[in-house]
Amino acid sequence: MKLILQIAFGVFLGSLASQFTFNAWRTHQEAIAKEAEEKLLAEEERASEQQAEKVRALFMQNLQGKKSGAAAIPPGFVPDDAQEPMPQTPGAE
C-alpha cells in the first residue's frame, strides 16, 4: 500500500510540475507576442505621423506658394508624363 501511495504522490507532483512549466512557458510566449505587437503598432504610428507631417509640409508649401504670387499654370499646358490625345482620323466616326 505504501508503494501505491508513493507512486500516486510522484504522479501528482509530476503533473503539478508539468502544469507549472507549461503555464510559465505560455506566459513567456504571450509576453513575447505582446511586445512584438506593441513594437509593430509603434512603428505604424511613427510611419503615420511621418506621413501626416509630409502632407502638412506640402500643404504649407502650397499655401506659401499661393501667397508669394507664384506663376499660375499657363492654359493648354500638358505635363511631360501626360498622354497626348490621339489624333482623329477623318471618316472614323
PDB file of N, CA and C in Angstrom:
ATOM      1  N   MET A   1       0.815  -1.182   0.000  1.00  0.00           N
ATOM      2  CA  MET A   1       0.000   0.000   0.000  1.00  0.00           C
ATOM      3  C   MET A   1       0.870   1.261   0.000  1.00  0.00           C
ATOM      4  N   LYS A   2       1.997   1.188   0.710  1.00  0.00           N
ATOM      5  CA  LYS A   2       2.901   2.325   0.786  1.00  0.00           C
ATOM      6  C   LYS A   2       3.469   2.630  -0.602  1.00  0.00           C
ATOM      7  N   LEU A   3       3.772   1.624  -1.387  1.00  0.00           N
ATOM      8  CA  LEU A   3       4.313   1.805  -2.730  1.00  0.00           C
ATOM      9  C   LEU A   3       3.287   2.497  -3.634  1.00  0.00           C
ATOM     10  N   ILE A   4       2.043   2.126  -3.511  1.00  0.00           N
ATOM     11  CA  ILE A   4       0.985   2.736  -4.322  1.00  0.00           C
ATOM     12  C   ILE A   4       0.855   4.216  -3.971  1.00  0.00           C
ATOM     13  N   LEU A   5       0.940   4.552  -2.698  1.00  0.00           N
ATOM     14  CA  LEU A   5       0.862   5.959  -2.284  1.00  0.00           C
ATOM     15  C   LEU A   5       2.058   6.756  -2.802  1.00  0.00           C
ATOM     16  N   GLN A   6       3.237   6.140  -2.789  1.00  0.00           N
ATOM     17  CA  GLN A   6       4.429   6.824  -3.304  1.00  0.00           C
ATOM     18  C   GLN A   6       4.297   7.075  -4.803  1.00  0.00           C
ATOM     19  N   ILE A   7       3.777   6.089  -5.533  1.00  0.00           N
ATOM     20  CA  ILE A   7       3.589   6.257  -6.982  1.00  0.00           C
ATOM     21  C   ILE A   7       2.550   7.346  -7.250  1.00  0.00           C
ATOM     22  N   ALA A   8       1.449   7.310  -6.529  1.00  0.00           N
ATOM     23  CA  ALA A   8       0.407   8.313  -6.709  1.00  0.00           C
ATOM     24  C   ALA A   8       0.936   9.710  -6.376  1.00  0.00           C
ATOM     25  N   PHE A   9       1.709   9.839  -5.323  1.00  0.00           N
ATOM     26  CA  PHE A   9       2.289  11.122  -4.944  1.00  0.00           C
ATOM     27  C   PHE A   9       3.277  11.602  -6.004  1.00  0.00           C
ATOM     28  N   GLY A  10       4.057  10.680  -6.559  1.00  0.00           N
ATOM     29  CA  GLY A  10       5.008  11.035  -7.622  1.00  0.00           C
ATOM     30  C   GLY A  10       4.284  11.502  -8.882  1.00  0.00           C
ATOM     31  N   VAL A  11       3.208  10.821  -9.232  1.00  0.00           N
ATOM     32  CA  VAL A  11       2.418  11.225 -10.395  1.00  0.00           C
ATOM     33  C   VAL A  11       1.811  12.607 -10.151  1.00  0.00           C
ATOM     34  N   PHE A  12       1.299  12.831  -8.968  1.00  0.00           N
ATOM     35  CA  PHE A  12       0.712  14.123  -8.627  1.00  0.00           C
ATOM     36  C   PHE A  12       1.751  15.245  -8.736  1.00  0.00           C
ATOM     37  N   LEU A  13       2.926  15.027  -8.153  1.00  0.00           N
ATOM     38  CA  LEU A  13       3.971  16.047  -8.212  1.00  0.00           C
ATOM     39  C   LEU A  13       4.450  16.271  -9.639  1.00  0.00           C
ATOM     40  N   GLY A  14       4.564  15.202 -10.408  1.00  0.00           N
ATOM     41  CA  GLY A  14       4.970  15.333 -11.818  1.00  0.00           C
ATOM     42  C   GLY A  14       3.949  16.131 -12.614  1.00  0.00           C
ATOM     43  N   SER A  15       2.665  15.854 -12.404  1.00  0.00           N
ATOM     44  CA  SER A  15       1.604  16.606 -13.093  1.00  0.00           C
ATOM     45  C   SER A  15       1.630  18.073 -12.690  1.00  0.00           C
ATOM     46  N   LEU A  16       1.829  18.319 -11.405  1.00  0.00           N
ATOM     47  CA  LEU A  16       1.885  19.683 -10.908  1.00  0.00           C
ATOM     48  C   LEU A  16       3.062  20.444 -11.521  1.00  0.00           C
ATOM     49  N   ALA A  17       4.213  19.776 -11.572  1.00  0.00           N
ATOM     50  CA  ALA A  17       5.404  20.415 -12.148  1.00  0.00           C
ATOM     51  C   ALA A  17       5.224  20.687 -13.641  1.00  0.00           C
ATOM     52  N   SER A  18       4.632  19.742 -14.374  1.00  0.00           N
ATOM     53  CA  SER A  18       4.435  19.954 -15.806  1.00  0.00           C
ATOM     54  C   SER A  18       3.433  21.075 -16.057  1.00  0.00           C
ATOM     55  N   GLN A  19       2.391  21.163 -15.261  1.00  0.00           N
ATOM     56  CA  GLN A  19       1.409  22.236 -15.408  1.00  0.00           C
ATOM     57  C   GLN A  19       2.046  23.590 -15.113  1.00  0.00           C
ATOM     58  N   PHE A  20       2.864  23.659 -14.088  1.00  0.00           N
ATOM     59  CA  PHE A  20       3.557  24.901 -13.758  1.00  0.00           C
ATOM     60  C   PHE A  20       4.503  25.309 -14.890  1.00  0.00           C
ATOM     61  N   THR A  21       5.239  24.348 -15.428  1.00  0.00           N
ATOM     62  CA  THR A  21       6.173  24.628 -16.523  1.00  0.00           C
ATOM     63  C   THR A  21       5.427  25.114 -17.756  1.00  0.00           C
ATOM     64  N   PHE A  22       4.327  24.448 -18.082  1.00  0.00           N
ATOM     65  CA  PHE A  22       3.539  24.843 -19.241  1.00  0.00           C
ATOM     66  C   PHE A  22       2.978  26.247 -19.072  1.00  0.00           C
ATOM     67  N   ASN A  23       2.455  26.574 -17.899  1.00  0.00           N
ATOM     68  CA  ASN A  23       1.919  27.915 -17.643  1.00  0.00           C
ATOM     69  C   ASN A  23       3.012  28.982 -17.745  1.00  0.00           C
ATOM     70  N   ALA A  24       4.191  28.681 -17.238  1.00  0.00           N
ATOM     71  CA  ALA A  24       5.306  29.634 -17.319  1.00  0.00           C
ATOM     72  C   ALA A  24       5.706  29.852 -18.777  1.00  0.00           C
ATOM     73  N   TRP A  25       5.764  28.782 -19.570  1.00  0.00           N
ATOM     74  CA  TRP A  25       6.136  28.884 -20.986  1.00  0.00           C
ATOM     75  C   TRP A  25       5.085  29.691 -21.747  1.00  0.00           C
ATOM     76  N   ARG A  26       3.791  29.425 -21.488  1.00  0.00           N
ATOM     77  CA  ARG A  26       2.714  30.123 -22.171  1.00  0.00           C
ATOM     78  C   ARG A  26       2.733  31.612 -21.820  1.00  0.00           C
ATOM     79  N   THR A  27       2.972  31.937 -20.572  1.00  0.00           N
ATOM     80  CA  THR A  27       3.047  33.338 -20.152  1.00  0.00           C
ATOM     81  C   THR A  27       4.210  34.042 -20.855  1.00  0.00           C
ATOM     82  N   HIS A  28       5.336  33.347 -20.960  1.00  0.00           N
ATOM     83  CA  HIS A  28       6.503  33.906 -21.650  1.00  0.00           C
ATOM     84  C   HIS A  28       6.187  34.149 -23.130  1.00  0.00           C
ATOM     85  N   GLN A  29       5.536  33.200 -23.786  1.00  0.00           N
ATOM     86  CA  GLN A  29       5.187  33.347 -25.201  1.00  0.00           C
ATOM     87  C   GLN A  29       4.193  34.498 -25.405  1.00  0.00           C
ATOM     88  N   GLU A  30       3.237  34.635 -24.499  1.00  0.00           N
ATOM     89  CA  GLU A  30       2.287  35.738 -24.595  1.00  0.00           C
ATOM     90  C   GLU A  30       2.983  37.081 -24.430  1.00  0.00           C
ATOM     91  N   ALA A  31       3.957  37.139 -23.544  1.00  0.00           N
ATOM     92  CA  ALA A  31       4.709  38.381 -23.348  1.00  0.00           C
ATOM     93  C   ALA A  31       5.502  38.735 -24.603  1.00  0.00           C
ATOM     94  N   ILE A  32       6.095  37.725 -25.237  1.00  0.00           N
ATOM     95  CA  ILE A  32       6.848  37.967 -26.469  1.00  0.00           C
ATOM     96  C   ILE A  32       5.914  38.466 -27.567  1.00  0.00           C
ATOM     97  N   ALA A  33       4.740  37.838 -27.698  1.00  0.00           N
ATOM     98  CA  ALA A  33       3.775  38.244 -28.719  1.00  0.00           C
ATOM     99  C   ALA A  33       3.271  39.658 -28.462  1.00  0.00           C
ATOM    100  N   LYS A  34       3.015  39.979 -27.212  1.00  0.00           N
ATOM    101  CA  LYS A  34       2.533  41.315 -26.863  1.00  0.00           C
ATOM    102  C   LYS A  34       3.591  42.369 -27.174  1.00  0.00           C
ATOM    103  N   GLU A  35       4.828  42.069 -26.859  1.00  0.00           N
ATOM    104  CA  GLU A  35       5.925  43.001 -27.141  1.00  0.00           C
ATOM    105  C   GLU A  35       6.075  43.232 -28.640  1.00  0.00           C
ATOM    106  N   ALA A  36       5.977  42.167 -29.428  1.00  0.00           N
ATOM    107  CA  ALA A  36       6.083  42.294 -30.875  1.00  0.00           C
ATOM    108  C   ALA A  36       4.921  43.115 -31.434  1.00  0.00           C
ATOM    109  N   GLU A  37       3.724  42.905 -30.906  1.00  0.00           N
ATOM    110  CA  GLU A  37       2.558  43.658 -31.361  1.00  0.00           C
ATOM    111  C   GLU A  37       2.696  45.137 -31.015  1.00  0.00           C
ATOM    112  N   GLU A  38       3.169  45.431 -29.816  1.00  0.00           N
ATOM    113  CA  GLU A  38       3.364  46.827 -29.419  1.00  0.00           C
ATOM    114  C   GLU A  38       4.428  47.496 -30.286  1.00  0.00           C
ATOM    115  N   LYS A  39       5.474  46.757 -30.619  1.00  0.00           N
ATOM    116  CA  LYS A  39       6.526  47.304 -31.470  1.00  0.00           C
ATOM    117  C   LYS A  39       5.980  47.602 -32.862  1.00  0.00           C
ATOM    118  N   LEU A  40       5.160  46.687 -33.391  1.00  0.00           N
ATOM    119  CA  LEU A  40       4.560  46.883 -34.704  1.00  0.00           C
ATOM    120  C   LEU A  40       3.617  48.082 -34.696  1.00  0.00           C
ATOM    121  N   LEU A  41       2.803  48.205 -33.655  1.00  0.00           N
ATOM    122  CA  LEU A  41       1.890  49.339 -33.556  1.00  0.00           C
ATOM    123  C   LEU A  41       2.649  50.658 -33.443  1.00  0.00           C
ATOM    124  N   ALA A  42       3.736  50.654 -32.691  1.00  0.00           N
ATOM    125  CA  ALA A  42       4.541  51.867 -32.551  1.00  0.00           C
ATOM    126  C   ALA A  42       5.163  52.252 -33.898  1.00  0.00           C
ATOM    127  N   GLU A  43       5.620  51.270 -34.656  1.00  0.00           N
ATOM    128  CA  GLU A  43       6.209  51.529 -35.974  1.00  0.00           C
ATOM    129  C   GLU A  43       5.144  52.082 -36.928  1.00  0.00           C
ATOM    130  N   GLU A  44       3.942  51.508 -36.901  1.00  0.00           N
ATOM    131  CA  GLU A  44       2.858  52.003 -37.749  1.00  0.00           C
ATOM    132  C   GLU A  44       2.472  53.425 -37.357  1.00  0.00           C
ATOM    133  N   GLU A  45       2.428  53.698 -36.069  1.00  0.00           N
ATOM    134  CA  GLU A  45       2.090  55.041 -35.604  1.00  0.00           C
ATOM    135  C   GLU A  45       3.159  56.044 -36.028  1.00  0.00           C
ATOM    136  N   ARG A  46       4.423  55.647 -35.925  1.00  0.00           N
ATOM    137  CA  ARG A  46       5.525  56.523 -36.332  1.00  0.00           C
ATOM    138  C   ARG A  46       5.436  56.813 -37.830  1.00  0.00           C
ATOM    139  N   ALA A  47       5.142  55.782 -38.632  1.00  0.00           N
ATOM    140  CA  ALA A  47       5.023  55.970 -40.075  1.00  0.00           C
ATOM    141  C   ALA A  47       3.842  56.883 -40.399  1.00  0.00           C
ATOM    142  N   SER A  48       2.751  56.724 -39.684  1.00  0.00           N
ATOM    143  CA  SER A  48       1.572  57.562 -39.893  1.00  0.00           C
ATOM    144  C   SER A  48       1.877  59.015 -39.549  1.00  0.00           C
ATOM    145  N   GLU A  49       2.594  59.224 -38.457  1.00  0.00           N
ATOM    146  CA  GLU A  49       2.962  60.591 -38.059  1.00  0.00           C
ATOM    147  C   GLU A  49       3.889  61.225 -39.090  1.00  0.00           C
ATOM    148  N   GLN A  50       4.835  60.448 -39.618  1.00  0.00           N
ATOM    149  CA  GLN A  50       5.742  60.979 -40.633  1.00  0.00           C
ATOM    150  C   GLN A  50       4.971  61.349 -41.901  1.00  0.00           C
ATOM    151  N   GLN A  51       4.022  60.490 -42.285  1.00  0.00           N
ATOM    152  CA  GLN A  51       3.228  60.781 -43.470  1.00  0.00           C
ATOM    153  C   GLN A  51       2.383  62.038 -43.249  1.00  0.00           C
ATOM    154  N   ALA A  52       1.792  62.165 -42.085  1.00  0.00           N
ATOM    155  CA  ALA A  52       0.989  63.355 -41.785  1.00  0.00           C
ATOM    156  C   ALA A  52       1.868  64.611 -41.800  1.00  0.00           C
ATOM    157  N   GLU A  53       3.076  64.500 -41.301  1.00  0.00           N
ATOM    158  CA  GLU A  53       3.998  65.629 -41.316  1.00  0.00           C
ATOM    159  C   GLU A  53       4.371  66.021 -42.743  1.00  0.00           C
ATOM    160  N   LYS A  54       4.587  65.030 -43.608  1.00  0.00           N
ATOM    161  CA  LYS A  54       4.902  65.324 -45.012  1.00  0.00           C
ATOM    162  C   LYS A  54       3.731  66.023 -45.693  1.00  0.00           C
ATOM    163  N   VAL A  55       2.516  65.521 -45.430  1.00  0.00           N
ATOM    164  CA  VAL A  55       1.328  66.130 -46.034  1.00  0.00           C
ATOM    165  C   VAL A  55       1.182  67.558 -45.546  1.00  0.00           C
ATOM    166  N   ARG A  56       1.374  67.777 -44.249  1.00  0.00           N
ATOM    167  CA  ARG A  56       1.268  69.120 -43.696  1.00  0.00           C
ATOM    168  C   ARG A  56       2.315  70.045 -44.312  1.00  0.00           C
ATOM    169  N   ALA A  57       3.546  69.537 -44.464  1.00  0.00           N
ATOM    170  CA  ALA A  57       4.615  70.353 -45.045  1.00  0.00           C
ATOM    171  C   ALA A  57       4.283  70.718 -46.492  1.00  0.00           C
ATOM    172  N   LEU A  58       3.770  69.761 -47.260  1.00  0.00           N
ATOM    173  CA  LEU A  58       3.403  70.058 -48.644  1.00  0.00           C
ATOM    174  C   LEU A  58       2.241  71.049 -48.704  1.00  0.00           C
ATOM    175  N   PHE A  59       1.281  70.885 -47.809  1.00  0.00           N
ATOM    176  CA  PHE A  59       0.152  71.808 -47.761  1.00  0.00           C
ATOM    177  C   PHE A  59       0.625  73.221 -47.431  1.00  0.00           C
ATOM    178  N   MET A  60       1.500  73.338 -46.444  1.00  0.00           N
ATOM    179  CA  MET A  60       2.025  74.655 -46.063  1.00  0.00           C
ATOM    180  C   MET A  60       2.853  75.249 -47.202  1.00  0.00           C
ATOM    181  N   GLN A  61       3.609  74.407 -47.889  1.00  0.00           N
ATOM    182  CA  GLN A  61       4.408  74.884 -49.020  1.00  0.00           C
ATOM    183  C   GLN A  61       3.479  75.416 -50.117  1.00  0.00           C
ATOM    184  N   ASN A  62       2.374  74.717 -50.345  1.00  0.00           N
ATOM    185  CA  ASN A  62       1.408  75.147 -51.352  1.00  0.00           C
ATOM    186  C   ASN A  62       0.779  76.484 -50.945  1.00  0.00           C
ATOM    187  N   LEU A  63       0.431  76.618 -49.666  1.00  0.00           N
ATOM    188  CA  LEU A  63      -0.151  77.875 -49.200  1.00  0.00           C
ATOM    189  C   LEU A  63       0.837  79.026 -49.340  1.00  0.00           C
ATOM    190  N   GLN A  64       2.098  78.786 -49.019  1.00  0.00           N
ATOM    191  CA  GLN A  64       3.107  79.831 -49.135  1.00  0.00           C
ATOM    192  C   GLN A  64       3.337  80.194 -50.593  1.00  0.00           C
ATOM    193  N   GLY A  65       3.248  79.200 -51.472  1.00  0.00           N
ATOM    194  CA  GLY A  65       3.412  79.476 -52.901  1.00  0.00           C
ATOM    195  C   GLY A  65       2.297  80.356 -53.429  1.00  0.00           C
ATOM    196  N   LYS A  66       1.066  80.151 -52.943  1.00  0.00           N
ATOM    197  CA  LYS A  66      -0.061  80.975 -53.383  1.00  0.00           C
ATOM    198  C   LYS A  66       0.072  82.394 -52.855  1.00  0.00           C
ATOM    199  N   LYS A  67       0.595  82.560 -51.648  1.00  0.00           N
ATOM    200  CA  LYS A  67       0.738  83.882 -51.056  1.00  0.00           C
ATOM    201  C   LYS A  67       1.828  84.695 -51.752  1.00  0.00           C
ATOM    202  N   SER A  68       2.888  84.022 -52.217  1.00  0.00           N
ATOM    203  CA  SER A  68       4.004  84.757 -52.801  1.00  0.00           C
ATOM    204  C   SER A  68       3.764  85.083 -54.270  1.00  0.00           C
ATOM    205  N   GLY A  69       2.586  84.772 -54.780  1.00  0.00           N
ATOM    206  CA  GLY A  69       2.273  85.120 -56.160  1.00  0.00           C
ATOM    207  C   GLY A  69       2.986  84.222 -57.144  1.00  0.00           C
ATOM    208  N   ALA A  70       3.034  82.951 -56.874  1.00  0.00           N
ATOM    209  CA  ALA A  70       3.692  82.017 -57.784  1.00  0.00           C
ATOM    210  C   ALA A  70       2.961  82.019 -59.119  1.00  0.00           C
ATOM    211  N   ALA A  71       3.710  81.777 -60.162  1.00  0.00           N
ATOM    212  CA  ALA A  71       3.152  81.794 -61.509  1.00  0.00           C
ATOM    213  C   ALA A  71       2.125  80.682 -61.654  1.00  0.00           C
ATOM    214  N   ALA A  72       0.997  81.030 -62.252  1.00  0.00           N
ATOM    215  CA  ALA A  72      -0.054  80.043 -62.475  1.00  0.00           C
ATOM    216  C   ALA A  72       0.316  79.189 -63.679  1.00  0.00           C
ATOM    217  N   ILE A  73      -0.274  78.033 -63.761  1.00  0.00           N
ATOM    218  CA  ILE A  73      -0.026  77.145 -64.900  1.00  0.00           C
ATOM    219  C   ILE A  73      -0.686  77.768 -66.126  1.00  0.00           C
ATOM    220  N   PRO A  74       0.071  77.909 -67.197  1.00  0.00           N
ATOM    221  CA  PRO A  74      -0.500  78.539 -68.391  1.00  0.00           C
ATOM    222  C   PRO A  74      -1.592  77.654 -69.004  1.00  0.00           C
ATOM    223  N   PRO A  75      -2.570  78.238 -69.645  1.00  0.00           N
ATOM    224  CA  PRO A  75      -3.615  77.428 -70.276  1.00  0.00           C
ATOM    225  C   PRO A  75      -3.027  76.587 -71.403  1.00  0.00           C
ATOM    226  N   GLY A  76      -3.505  75.384 -71.540  1.00  0.00           N
ATOM    227  CA  GLY A  76      -3.022  74.486 -72.589  1.00  0.00           C
ATOM    228  C   GLY A  76      -1.757  73.741 -72.204  1.00  0.00           C
ATOM    229  N   PHE A  77      -1.274  73.913 -70.975  1.00  0.00           N
ATOM    230  CA  PHE A  77      -0.060  73.225 -70.520  1.00  0.00           C
ATOM    231  C   PHE A  77      -0.333  71.733 -70.367  1.00  0.00           C
ATOM    232  N   VAL A  78       0.539  70.903 -70.949  1.00  0.00           N
ATOM    233  CA  VAL A  78       0.425  69.450 -70.829  1.00  0.00           C
ATOM    234  C   VAL A  78       1.719  68.939 -70.204  1.00  0.00           C
ATOM    235  N   PRO A  79       1.638  68.300 -69.045  1.00  0.00           N
ATOM    236  CA  PRO A  79       2.851  67.776 -68.422  1.00  0.00           C
ATOM    237  C   PRO A  79       3.519  66.728 -69.305  1.00  0.00           C
ATOM    238  N   ASP A  80       4.807  66.530 -69.103  1.00  0.00           N
ATOM    239  CA  ASP A  80       5.558  65.583 -69.917  1.00  0.00           C
ATOM    240  C   ASP A  80       5.034  64.159 -69.788  1.00  0.00           C
ATOM    241  N   ASP A  81       4.546  63.803 -68.625  1.00  0.00           N
ATOM    242  CA  ASP A  81       4.123  62.422 -68.419  1.00  0.00           C
ATOM    243  C   ASP A  81       2.660  62.182 -68.779  1.00  0.00           C
ATOM    244  N   ALA A  82       1.951  63.216 -69.251  1.00  0.00           N
ATOM    245  CA  ALA A  82       0.556  63.044 -69.630  1.00  0.00           C
ATOM    246  C   ALA A  82       0.478  62.502 -71.051  1.00  0.00           C
ATOM    247  N   GLN A  83      -0.562  61.761 -71.326  1.00  0.00           N
ATOM    248  CA  GLN A  83      -0.737  61.230 -72.675  1.00  0.00           C
ATOM    249  C   GLN A  83      -1.268  62.329 -73.586  1.00  0.00           C
ATOM    250  N   GLU A  84      -0.739  62.344 -74.764  1.00  0.00           N
ATOM    251  CA  GLU A  84      -1.241  63.256 -75.778  1.00  0.00           C
ATOM    252  C   GLU A  84      -2.535  62.679 -76.342  1.00  0.00           C
ATOM    253  N   PRO A  85      -3.488  63.509 -76.674  1.00  0.00           N
ATOM    254  CA  PRO A  85      -4.728  62.969 -77.255  1.00  0.00           C
ATOM    255  C   PRO A  85      -4.434  62.320 -78.604  1.00  0.00           C
ATOM    256  N   MET A  86      -5.148  61.248 -78.879  1.00  0.00           N
ATOM    257  CA  MET A  86      -4.967  60.533 -80.142  1.00  0.00           C
ATOM    258  C   MET A  86      -5.517  61.393 -81.280  1.00  0.00           C
ATOM    259  N   PRO A  87      -4.781  61.497 -82.362  1.00  0.00           N
ATOM    260  CA  PRO A  87      -5.294  62.305 -83.499  1.00  0.00           C
ATOM    261  C   PRO A  87      -6.494  61.591 -84.109  1.00  0.00           C
ATOM    262  N   GLN A  88      -7.494  62.362 -84.470  1.00  0.00           N
ATOM    263  CA  GLN A  88      -8.686  61.807 -85.083  1.00  0.00           C
ATOM    264  C   GLN A  88      -8.453  61.604 -86.568  1.00  0.00           C
ATOM    265  N   THR A  89      -8.770  60.438 -87.049  1.00  0.00           N
ATOM    266  CA  THR A  89      -8.632  60.163 -88.475  1.00  0.00           C
ATOM    267  C   THR A  89      -9.948  60.540 -89.162  1.00  0.00           C
ATOM    268  N   PRO A  90      -9.883  61.130 -90.297  1.00  0.00           N
ATOM    269  CA  PRO A  90     -11.117  61.536 -90.971  1.00  0.00           C
ATOM    270  C   PRO A  90     -11.942  60.290 -91.350  1.00  0.00           C
ATOM    271  N   GLY A  91     -13.220  60.380 -91.145  1.00  0.00           N
ATOM    272  CA  GLY A  91     -14.129  59.295 -91.500  1.00  0.00           C
ATOM    273  C   GLY A  91     -14.175  58.164 -90.491  1.00  0.00           C
ATOM    274  N   ALA A  92     -13.501  58.294 -89.341  1.00  0.00           N
ATOM    275  CA  ALA A  92     -13.502  57.242 -88.349  1.00  0.00           C
ATOM    276  C   ALA A  92     -14.742  57.300 -87.480  1.00  0.00           C
ATOM    277  N   GLU A  93     -15.503  58.370 -87.579  1.00  0.00           N
ATOM    278  CA  GLU A  93     -16.675  58.499 -86.724  1.00  0.00           C
ATOM    279  C   GLU A  93     -17.781  57.728 -87.241  1.00  0.00           C
TER     280      GLU A  93
END
